[in-house]
Amino acid sequence: MHILSVVLQIILGLGFLMFGFMKFGSKQMVEGFNHYGYSSWFRVFTGIVEVVSAILVIAGIWYEALAAWGSVIILITMIGAIMTHIKINDNVKQMGMPIMLFILGLVVFLINYDALI
């Protein structure tokens, strides 16, 4: 199971680093957050949260408790993303990425949960 967790942590970590940094000024993200009805400060805050969660998940390769905490932040963030898509009446296809990231984050959490105990 450790190899599965490491692979998922790398995928999640790199993905959240990319999406987190994009939130600091990507035209696509600026337009997206405007479309969702969120302000610029919330876009930047979300980017910071995503970068922090990515760092925790990647560091969790060596310290499993960090992977568990990082994945909790990812789960909360993805619940917010899914709720945003529901709020603006997006279809399930448009919710695909947040749902997939939620599932991957949940698997990483479940694999590393024992490190919290």
N, C-alpha and C. Protein backbone atom coordinates (compact mmCIF):
# COMPACT_ATOMS: atom_id res chain seq x y z
N MET A 1 0.81 -1.21 0.00
CA MET A 1 0.00 0.00 0.00
C MET A 1 0.84 1.26 0.00
N HIS A 2 2.04 1.18 0.54
CA HIS A 2 2.87 2.37 0.61
C HIS A 2 3.18 2.93 -0.77
N ILE A 3 3.43 2.07 -1.74
CA ILE A 3 3.75 2.54 -3.09
C ILE A 3 2.55 3.25 -3.70
N LEU A 4 1.35 2.70 -3.51
CA LEU A 4 0.14 3.35 -4.00
C LEU A 4 0.00 4.74 -3.39
N SER A 5 0.22 4.84 -2.10
CA SER A 5 0.12 6.13 -1.43
C SER A 5 1.13 7.13 -1.97
N VAL A 6 2.36 6.70 -2.16
CA VAL A 6 3.39 7.60 -2.69
C VAL A 6 3.03 8.09 -4.08
N VAL A 7 2.57 7.18 -4.93
CA VAL A 7 2.18 7.58 -6.30
C VAL A 7 1.04 8.59 -6.25
N LEU A 8 0.02 8.31 -5.43
CA LEU A 8 -1.11 9.24 -5.32
C LEU A 8 -0.69 10.57 -4.71
N GLN A 9 0.22 10.53 -3.74
CA GLN A 9 0.70 11.77 -3.12
C GLN A 9 1.46 12.61 -4.14
N ILE A 10 2.25 11.99 -4.99
CA ILE A 10 2.96 12.75 -6.02
C ILE A 10 1.98 13.37 -7.00
N ILE A 11 0.98 12.58 -7.44
CA ILE A 11 -0.03 13.11 -8.38
C ILE A 11 -0.78 14.27 -7.75
N LEU A 12 -1.29 14.06 -6.53
CA LEU A 12 -2.03 15.12 -5.84
C LEU A 12 -1.15 16.34 -5.57
N GLY A 13 0.06 16.08 -5.08
CA GLY A 13 0.96 17.18 -4.74
C GLY A 13 1.29 18.04 -5.95
N LEU A 14 1.68 17.41 -7.04
CA LEU A 14 2.02 18.17 -8.24
C LEU A 14 0.80 18.87 -8.83
N GLY A 15 -0.33 18.18 -8.82
CA GLY A 15 -1.56 18.79 -9.32
C GLY A 15 -1.98 20.00 -8.51
N PHE A 16 -1.93 19.86 -7.19
CA PHE A 16 -2.33 20.99 -6.34
C PHE A 16 -1.31 22.12 -6.36
N LEU A 17 -0.04 21.81 -6.55
CA LEU A 17 0.93 22.88 -6.74
C LEU A 17 0.60 23.66 -8.00
N MET A 18 0.33 22.94 -9.09
CA MET A 18 0.03 23.60 -10.36
C MET A 18 -1.25 24.44 -10.25
N PHE A 19 -2.34 23.84 -9.77
CA PHE A 19 -3.59 24.58 -9.67
C PHE A 19 -3.50 25.70 -8.65
N GLY A 20 -2.77 25.48 -7.57
CA GLY A 20 -2.62 26.52 -6.55
C GLY A 20 -1.89 27.73 -7.10
N PHE A 21 -0.76 27.50 -7.79
CA PHE A 21 -0.02 28.63 -8.36
C PHE A 21 -0.81 29.32 -9.46
N MET A 22 -1.62 28.57 -10.20
CA MET A 22 -2.44 29.18 -11.24
C MET A 22 -3.43 30.18 -10.65
N LYS A 23 -3.87 29.93 -9.44
CA LYS A 23 -4.86 30.81 -8.82
C LYS A 23 -4.29 32.19 -8.49
N PHE A 24 -2.98 32.33 -8.52
CA PHE A 24 -2.37 33.63 -8.20
C PHE A 24 -2.44 34.62 -9.36
N GLY A 25 -2.90 34.21 -10.53
CA GLY A 25 -2.98 35.19 -11.60
C GLY A 25 -3.34 34.66 -12.96
N SER A 26 -3.57 33.37 -13.09
CA SER A 26 -3.96 32.81 -14.38
C SER A 26 -5.27 33.45 -14.85
N LYS A 27 -5.30 33.88 -16.09
CA LYS A 27 -6.50 34.51 -16.64
C LYS A 27 -7.70 33.57 -16.52
N GLN A 28 -7.47 32.29 -16.77
CA GLN A 28 -8.54 31.30 -16.68
C GLN A 28 -9.10 31.23 -15.27
N MET A 29 -8.22 31.24 -14.27
CA MET A 29 -8.68 31.17 -12.88
C MET A 29 -9.39 32.46 -12.45
N VAL A 30 -8.87 33.59 -12.88
CA VAL A 30 -9.51 34.88 -12.56
C VAL A 30 -10.93 34.88 -13.12
N GLU A 31 -11.08 34.48 -14.38
CA GLU A 31 -12.40 34.44 -15.00
C GLU A 31 -13.30 33.41 -14.31
N GLY A 32 -12.73 32.26 -13.97
CA GLY A 32 -13.51 31.22 -13.31
C GLY A 32 -14.06 31.67 -11.98
N PHE A 33 -13.21 32.28 -11.15
CA PHE A 33 -13.67 32.73 -9.83
C PHE A 33 -14.68 33.86 -9.97
N ASN A 34 -14.52 34.72 -10.97
CA ASN A 34 -15.54 35.75 -11.22
C ASN A 34 -16.86 35.09 -11.60
N HIS A 35 -16.80 34.07 -12.45
CA HIS A 35 -18.00 33.34 -12.87
C HIS A 35 -18.69 32.70 -11.68
N TYR A 36 -17.90 32.17 -10.75
CA TYR A 36 -18.47 31.52 -9.57
C TYR A 36 -19.00 32.53 -8.55
N GLY A 37 -18.68 33.80 -8.74
CA GLY A 37 -19.15 34.84 -7.82
C GLY A 37 -18.23 35.07 -6.64
N TYR A 38 -16.95 34.66 -6.76
CA TYR A 38 -16.00 34.83 -5.68
C TYR A 38 -15.04 35.97 -5.98
N SER A 39 -14.56 36.61 -4.92
CA SER A 39 -13.67 37.76 -5.08
C SER A 39 -12.22 37.32 -5.28
N SER A 40 -11.38 38.28 -5.62
CA SER A 40 -9.97 38.02 -5.87
C SER A 40 -9.25 37.51 -4.62
N TRP A 41 -9.59 38.07 -3.45
CA TRP A 41 -8.91 37.62 -2.23
C TRP A 41 -9.20 36.15 -1.97
N PHE A 42 -10.42 35.68 -2.30
CA PHE A 42 -10.75 34.28 -2.06
C PHE A 42 -10.00 33.37 -3.04
N ARG A 43 -9.80 33.85 -4.26
CA ARG A 43 -9.02 33.10 -5.25
C ARG A 43 -7.59 32.92 -4.75
N VAL A 44 -6.99 33.99 -4.25
CA VAL A 44 -5.62 33.93 -3.74
C VAL A 44 -5.56 33.05 -2.49
N PHE A 45 -6.53 33.20 -1.59
CA PHE A 45 -6.60 32.35 -0.39
C PHE A 45 -6.67 30.88 -0.78
N THR A 46 -7.52 30.57 -1.76
CA THR A 46 -7.65 29.19 -2.23
C THR A 46 -6.33 28.69 -2.80
N GLY A 47 -5.63 29.54 -3.52
CA GLY A 47 -4.32 29.16 -4.06
C GLY A 47 -3.33 28.84 -2.95
N ILE A 48 -3.31 29.65 -1.92
CA ILE A 48 -2.41 29.42 -0.79
C ILE A 48 -2.75 28.09 -0.11
N VAL A 49 -4.04 27.85 0.12
CA VAL A 49 -4.48 26.60 0.75
C VAL A 49 -4.05 25.40 -0.10
N GLU A 50 -4.20 25.51 -1.41
CA GLU A 50 -3.84 24.40 -2.29
C GLU A 50 -2.33 24.16 -2.30
N VAL A 51 -1.54 25.22 -2.30
CA VAL A 51 -0.08 25.05 -2.27
C VAL A 51 0.35 24.42 -0.94
N VAL A 52 -0.23 24.89 0.16
CA VAL A 52 0.12 24.32 1.48
C VAL A 52 -0.26 22.84 1.53
N SER A 53 -1.46 22.51 1.04
CA SER A 53 -1.88 21.10 1.07
C SER A 53 -0.98 20.25 0.19
N ALA A 54 -0.53 20.79 -0.94
CA ALA A 54 0.39 20.06 -1.83
C ALA A 54 1.71 19.79 -1.14
N ILE A 55 2.24 20.79 -0.45
CA ILE A 55 3.51 20.63 0.26
C ILE A 55 3.37 19.57 1.35
N LEU A 56 2.26 19.61 2.08
CA LEU A 56 2.04 18.62 3.14
C LEU A 56 1.93 17.20 2.57
N VAL A 57 1.20 17.06 1.47
CA VAL A 57 1.03 15.74 0.87
C VAL A 57 2.35 15.20 0.35
N ILE A 58 3.14 16.06 -0.27
CA ILE A 58 4.45 15.61 -0.77
C ILE A 58 5.39 15.29 0.39
N ALA A 59 5.41 16.14 1.41
CA ALA A 59 6.25 15.87 2.58
C ALA A 59 5.78 14.60 3.29
N GLY A 60 4.52 14.25 3.10
CA GLY A 60 3.97 13.04 3.69
C GLY A 60 4.57 11.76 3.15
N ILE A 61 5.31 11.86 2.06
CA ILE A 61 6.04 10.68 1.56
C ILE A 61 7.01 10.20 2.64
N TRP A 62 7.58 11.14 3.38
CA TRP A 62 8.54 10.82 4.43
C TRP A 62 7.91 10.81 5.83
N TYR A 63 6.87 11.62 6.04
CA TYR A 63 6.19 11.72 7.33
C TYR A 63 4.70 11.53 7.09
N GLU A 64 4.23 10.31 7.29
CA GLU A 64 2.87 9.94 6.90
C GLU A 64 1.79 10.82 7.50
N ALA A 65 1.99 11.32 8.71
CA ALA A 65 0.98 12.18 9.33
C ALA A 65 0.75 13.44 8.50
N LEU A 66 1.81 13.95 7.87
CA LEU A 66 1.64 15.14 7.02
C LEU A 66 0.78 14.82 5.80
N ALA A 67 0.92 13.62 5.26
CA ALA A 67 0.07 13.20 4.14
C ALA A 67 -1.39 13.17 4.56
N ALA A 68 -1.64 12.67 5.77
CA ALA A 68 -3.01 12.61 6.26
C ALA A 68 -3.59 14.02 6.43
N TRP A 69 -2.82 14.92 7.04
CA TRP A 69 -3.31 16.30 7.23
C TRP A 69 -3.48 17.03 5.89
N GLY A 70 -2.53 16.84 4.99
CA GLY A 70 -2.65 17.47 3.68
C GLY A 70 -3.86 16.97 2.93
N SER A 71 -4.13 15.68 3.03
CA SER A 71 -5.29 15.13 2.34
C SER A 71 -6.59 15.62 2.96
N VAL A 72 -6.60 15.87 4.27
CA VAL A 72 -7.80 16.44 4.89
C VAL A 72 -8.08 17.83 4.30
N ILE A 73 -7.04 18.63 4.14
CA ILE A 73 -7.21 19.95 3.55
C ILE A 73 -7.72 19.82 2.11
N ILE A 74 -7.18 18.85 1.38
CA ILE A 74 -7.64 18.61 0.00
C ILE A 74 -9.12 18.22 0.00
N LEU A 75 -9.51 17.33 0.91
CA LEU A 75 -10.91 16.91 0.97
C LEU A 75 -11.84 18.09 1.24
N ILE A 76 -11.47 18.93 2.18
CA ILE A 76 -12.30 20.10 2.49
C ILE A 76 -12.36 21.05 1.28
N THR A 77 -11.22 21.26 0.64
CA THR A 77 -11.17 22.15 -0.53
C THR A 77 -12.04 21.60 -1.66
N MET A 78 -11.99 20.30 -1.88
CA MET A 78 -12.76 19.70 -2.96
C MET A 78 -14.26 19.67 -2.65
N ILE A 79 -14.61 19.54 -1.38
CA ILE A 79 -16.03 19.67 -1.01
C ILE A 79 -16.51 21.07 -1.37
N GLY A 80 -15.69 22.08 -1.07
CA GLY A 80 -16.03 23.45 -1.44
C GLY A 80 -16.16 23.62 -2.95
N ALA A 81 -15.25 23.01 -3.70
CA ALA A 81 -15.31 23.11 -5.16
C ALA A 81 -16.58 22.44 -5.71
N ILE A 82 -16.89 21.26 -5.19
CA ILE A 82 -18.09 20.54 -5.63
C ILE A 82 -19.34 21.35 -5.29
N MET A 83 -19.38 21.90 -4.08
CA MET A 83 -20.53 22.72 -3.67
C MET A 83 -20.67 23.96 -4.55
N THR A 84 -19.55 24.54 -4.96
CA THR A 84 -19.59 25.70 -5.86
C THR A 84 -20.22 25.30 -7.19
N HIS A 85 -19.81 24.17 -7.73
CA HIS A 85 -20.38 23.71 -9.01
C HIS A 85 -21.88 23.43 -8.86
N ILE A 86 -22.28 22.88 -7.72
CA ILE A 86 -23.71 22.64 -7.49
C ILE A 86 -24.45 23.97 -7.39
N LYS A 87 -23.84 24.94 -6.69
CA LYS A 87 -24.45 26.26 -6.49
C LYS A 87 -24.76 26.95 -7.81
N ILE A 88 -23.86 26.81 -8.79
CA ILE A 88 -24.08 27.49 -10.07
C ILE A 88 -24.73 26.57 -11.10
N ASN A 89 -25.24 25.43 -10.63
CA ASN A 89 -25.98 24.48 -11.47
C ASN A 89 -25.15 23.90 -12.61
N ASP A 90 -23.87 23.64 -12.37
CA ASP A 90 -23.05 22.94 -13.35
C ASP A 90 -23.51 21.49 -13.44
N ASN A 91 -23.21 20.87 -14.58
CA ASN A 91 -23.56 19.45 -14.70
C ASN A 91 -22.44 18.60 -14.09
N VAL A 92 -22.69 17.31 -13.96
CA VAL A 92 -21.75 16.41 -13.31
C VAL A 92 -20.42 16.36 -14.06
N LYS A 93 -20.45 16.48 -15.39
CA LYS A 93 -19.21 16.47 -16.17
C LYS A 93 -18.28 17.60 -15.74
N GLN A 94 -18.83 18.76 -15.46
CA GLN A 94 -18.02 19.90 -15.03
C GLN A 94 -17.50 19.73 -13.61
N MET A 95 -18.08 18.80 -12.86
CA MET A 95 -17.63 18.51 -11.50
C MET A 95 -16.63 17.36 -11.48
N GLY A 96 -16.30 16.83 -12.63
CA GLY A 96 -15.46 15.64 -12.71
C GLY A 96 -14.11 15.77 -12.02
N MET A 97 -13.40 16.85 -12.27
CA MET A 97 -12.08 17.02 -11.68
C MET A 97 -12.15 17.13 -10.16
N PRO A 98 -13.01 17.98 -9.59
CA PRO A 98 -13.08 18.02 -8.13
C PRO A 98 -13.49 16.69 -7.51
N ILE A 99 -14.39 15.96 -8.17
CA ILE A 99 -14.81 14.66 -7.65
C ILE A 99 -13.64 13.69 -7.67
N MET A 100 -12.90 13.67 -8.79
CA MET A 100 -11.76 12.77 -8.90
C MET A 100 -10.69 13.12 -7.85
N LEU A 101 -10.41 14.40 -7.67
CA LEU A 101 -9.42 14.82 -6.68
C LEU A 101 -9.89 14.51 -5.26
N PHE A 102 -11.19 14.62 -5.02
CA PHE A 102 -11.74 14.24 -3.72
C PHE A 102 -11.50 12.75 -3.45
N ILE A 103 -11.78 11.92 -4.45
CA ILE A 103 -11.59 10.48 -4.28
C ILE A 103 -10.12 10.14 -4.04
N LEU A 104 -9.22 10.75 -4.82
CA LEU A 104 -7.78 10.51 -4.62
C LEU A 104 -7.34 10.98 -3.24
N GLY A 105 -7.82 12.13 -2.82
CA GLY A 105 -7.50 12.64 -1.49
C GLY A 105 -8.03 11.73 -0.39
N LEU A 106 -9.21 11.17 -0.60
CA LEU A 106 -9.78 10.26 0.38
C LEU A 106 -8.95 8.98 0.49
N VAL A 107 -8.50 8.47 -0.64
CA VAL A 107 -7.66 7.26 -0.62
C VAL A 107 -6.35 7.54 0.13
N VAL A 108 -5.72 8.68 -0.15
CA VAL A 108 -4.48 9.03 0.55
C VAL A 108 -4.75 9.16 2.04
N PHE A 109 -5.85 9.78 2.40
CA PHE A 109 -6.19 9.92 3.82
C PHE A 109 -6.37 8.55 4.47
N LEU A 110 -7.14 7.68 3.83
CA LEU A 110 -7.40 6.36 4.42
C LEU A 110 -6.14 5.53 4.56
N ILE A 111 -5.24 5.64 3.58
CA ILE A 111 -3.98 4.89 3.66
C ILE A 111 -3.10 5.41 4.80
N ASN A 112 -3.12 6.71 5.03
CA ASN A 112 -2.21 7.33 6.01
C ASN A 112 -2.88 7.67 7.34
N TYR A 113 -4.15 7.33 7.49
CA TYR A 113 -4.88 7.66 8.70
C TYR A 113 -4.21 7.14 9.97
N ASP A 114 -3.66 5.95 9.89
CA ASP A 114 -3.04 5.35 11.08
C ASP A 114 -1.91 6.20 11.65
N ALA A 115 -1.27 7.02 10.82
CA ALA A 115 -0.17 7.86 11.29
C ALA A 115 -0.67 8.95 12.25
N LEU A 116 -1.96 9.24 12.23
CA LEU A 116 -2.53 10.26 13.11
C LEU A 116 -2.82 9.71 14.50
N ILE A 117 -2.95 8.42 14.59
CA ILE A 117 -3.34 7.80 15.86
C ILE A 117 -2.13 7.58 16.75
